[in-house]
């Protein structure tokens, strides 16, 4: 299978526009699955950080619980 490509909305710095970037993904490892996503969304807090340039306390990286992920259940 090799390396796969995906598009991601990347925010390099608060207050700047989203950058749509092509990223390389590793192929699934043992006990992992490949899921085809047809659509994704953005949390309003992500846009708040982009628009106002506000960072999380203690740095600019979001805590793990705030990083994008696929929904736990569809819909």
C-alpha atoms as a PDB file:
ATOM      1  CA  UNK A   1       0.000   0.000   0.000  1.00  0.00           C
ATOM      2  CA  UNK A   2       2.822   2.478   0.846  1.00  0.00           C
ATOM      3  CA  UNK A   3       2.373   6.074   1.883  1.00  0.00           C
ATOM      4  CA  UNK A   4      -1.068   7.628   1.511  1.00  0.00           C
ATOM      5  CA  UNK A   5      -1.972  11.289   1.060  1.00  0.00           C
ATOM      6  CA  UNK A   6      -4.643  13.344   2.798  1.00  0.00           C
ATOM      7  CA  UNK A   7      -5.662  16.990   2.914  1.00  0.00           C
ATOM      8  CA  UNK A   8      -5.685  18.818   6.241  1.00  0.00           C
ATOM      9  CA  UNK A   9      -6.649  22.271   7.421  1.00  0.00           C
ATOM     10  CA  UNK A  10      -3.503  23.464   9.203  1.00  0.00           C
ATOM     11  CA  UNK A  11      -3.211  26.490  11.457  1.00  0.00           C
ATOM     12  CA  UNK A  12       0.416  27.546  11.702  1.00  0.00           C
ATOM     13  CA  UNK A  13      -0.234  30.598  13.892  1.00  0.00           C
ATOM     14  CA  UNK A  14      -3.272  32.131  15.564  1.00  0.00           C
ATOM     15  CA  UNK A  15      -4.838  35.022  13.675  1.00  0.00           C
ATOM     16  CA  UNK A  16      -3.722  33.705  10.279  1.00  0.00           C
ATOM     17  CA  UNK A  17      -5.863  31.892   7.665  1.00  0.00           C
ATOM     18  CA  UNK A  18      -6.279  28.119   7.559  1.00  0.00           C
ATOM     19  CA  UNK A  19      -3.846  26.460   5.160  1.00  0.00           C
ATOM     20  CA  UNK A  20      -5.069  23.423   3.218  1.00  0.00           C
ATOM     21  CA  UNK A  21      -2.033  21.154   3.130  1.00  0.00           C
ATOM     22  CA  UNK A  22      -1.403  17.729   1.646  1.00  0.00           C
ATOM     23  CA  UNK A  23       0.069  15.393   4.267  1.00  0.00           C
ATOM     24  CA  UNK A  24       1.637  11.947   4.021  1.00  0.00           C
ATOM     25  CA  UNK A  25       0.082   9.215   6.151  1.00  0.00           C
ATOM     26  CA  UNK A  26       1.711   5.929   7.060  1.00  0.00           C
ATOM     27  CA  UNK A  27      -0.144   2.804   6.044  1.00  0.00           C
ATOM     28  CA  UNK A  28      -2.118   1.088   8.828  1.00  0.00           C
ATOM     29  CA  UNK A  29      -0.086  -1.061  11.192  1.00  0.00           C
ATOM     30  CA  UNK A  30      -1.077  -4.399  12.745  1.00  0.00           C
ATOM     31  CA  UNK A  31      -4.443  -4.149  14.545  1.00  0.00           C
ATOM     32  CA  UNK A  32      -5.266  -0.826  12.839  1.00  0.00           C
ATOM     33  CA  UNK A  33      -7.858  -0.203  10.143  1.00  0.00           C
ATOM     34  CA  UNK A  34      -8.100   2.248   7.275  1.00  0.00           C
ATOM     35  CA  UNK A  35     -11.296   4.326   7.323  1.00  0.00           C
ATOM     36  CA  UNK A  36     -12.414   6.397   4.348  1.00  0.00           C
ATOM     37  CA  UNK A  37     -13.832   9.712   5.549  1.00  0.00           C
ATOM     38  CA  UNK A  38     -16.211  11.518   3.223  1.00  0.00           C
ATOM     39  CA  UNK A  39     -16.465  14.716   5.257  1.00  0.00           C
ATOM     40  CA  UNK A  40     -15.115  16.360   8.379  1.00  0.00           C
ATOM     41  CA  UNK A  41     -16.036  19.373  10.428  1.00  0.00           C
ATOM     42  CA  UNK A  42     -14.368  22.039  12.463  1.00  0.00           C
ATOM     43  CA  UNK A  43     -15.209  22.922  16.058  1.00  0.00           C
ATOM     44  CA  UNK A  44     -16.120  26.560  16.666  1.00  0.00           C
ATOM     45  CA  UNK A  45     -13.297  26.772  19.234  1.00  0.00           C
ATOM     46  CA  UNK A  46     -10.784  25.972  16.451  1.00  0.00           C
ATOM     47  CA  UNK A  47     -12.068  28.923  14.431  1.00  0.00           C
ATOM     48  CA  UNK A  48     -12.040  31.100  17.566  1.00  0.00           C
ATOM     49  CA  UNK A  49      -8.322  30.405  17.993  1.00  0.00           C
ATOM     50  CA  UNK A  50      -7.674  31.101  14.306  1.00  0.00           C
ATOM     51  CA  UNK A  51      -9.639  34.353  14.257  1.00  0.00           C
ATOM     52  CA  UNK A  52      -8.446  35.811  17.547  1.00  0.00           C
ATOM     53  CA  UNK A  53      -4.964  34.378  17.693  1.00  0.00           C
ATOM     54  CA  UNK A  54      -5.655  32.934  21.132  1.00  0.00           C
ATOM     55  CA  UNK A  55      -3.505  30.008  22.230  1.00  0.00           C
ATOM     56  CA  UNK A  56      -4.195  27.402  24.893  1.00  0.00           C
ATOM     57  CA  UNK A  57      -2.654  28.218  28.249  1.00  0.00           C
ATOM     58  CA  UNK A  58       0.892  26.909  28.471  1.00  0.00           C
ATOM     59  CA  UNK A  59       1.606  26.944  24.731  1.00  0.00           C
ATOM     60  CA  UNK A  60       0.143  26.863  21.258  1.00  0.00           C
ATOM     61  CA  UNK A  61      -0.596  23.134  21.008  1.00  0.00           C
ATOM     62  CA  UNK A  62      -4.081  21.937  21.849  1.00  0.00           C
ATOM     63  CA  UNK A  63      -4.497  19.338  24.579  1.00  0.00           C
ATOM     64  CA  UNK A  64      -4.959  15.793  23.227  1.00  0.00           C
ATOM     65  CA  UNK A  65      -8.695  15.846  24.017  1.00  0.00           C
ATOM     66  CA  UNK A  66      -9.124  18.899  21.748  1.00  0.00           C
ATOM     67  CA  UNK A  67      -7.367  17.546  18.666  1.00  0.00           C
ATOM     68  CA  UNK A  68      -9.515  16.576  15.682  1.00  0.00           C
ATOM     69  CA  UNK A  69     -10.808  13.024  15.569  1.00  0.00           C
ATOM     70  CA  UNK A  70     -13.509  11.066  13.817  1.00  0.00           C
ATOM     71  CA  UNK A  71     -16.883  11.120  15.602  1.00  0.00           C
ATOM     72  CA  UNK A  72     -17.571   8.273  18.013  1.00  0.00           C
ATOM     73  CA  UNK A  73     -20.919   7.658  16.334  1.00  0.00           C
ATOM     74  CA  UNK A  74     -22.200   8.756  12.939  1.00  0.00           C
ATOM     75  CA  UNK A  75     -24.671  11.602  12.748  1.00  0.00           C
END
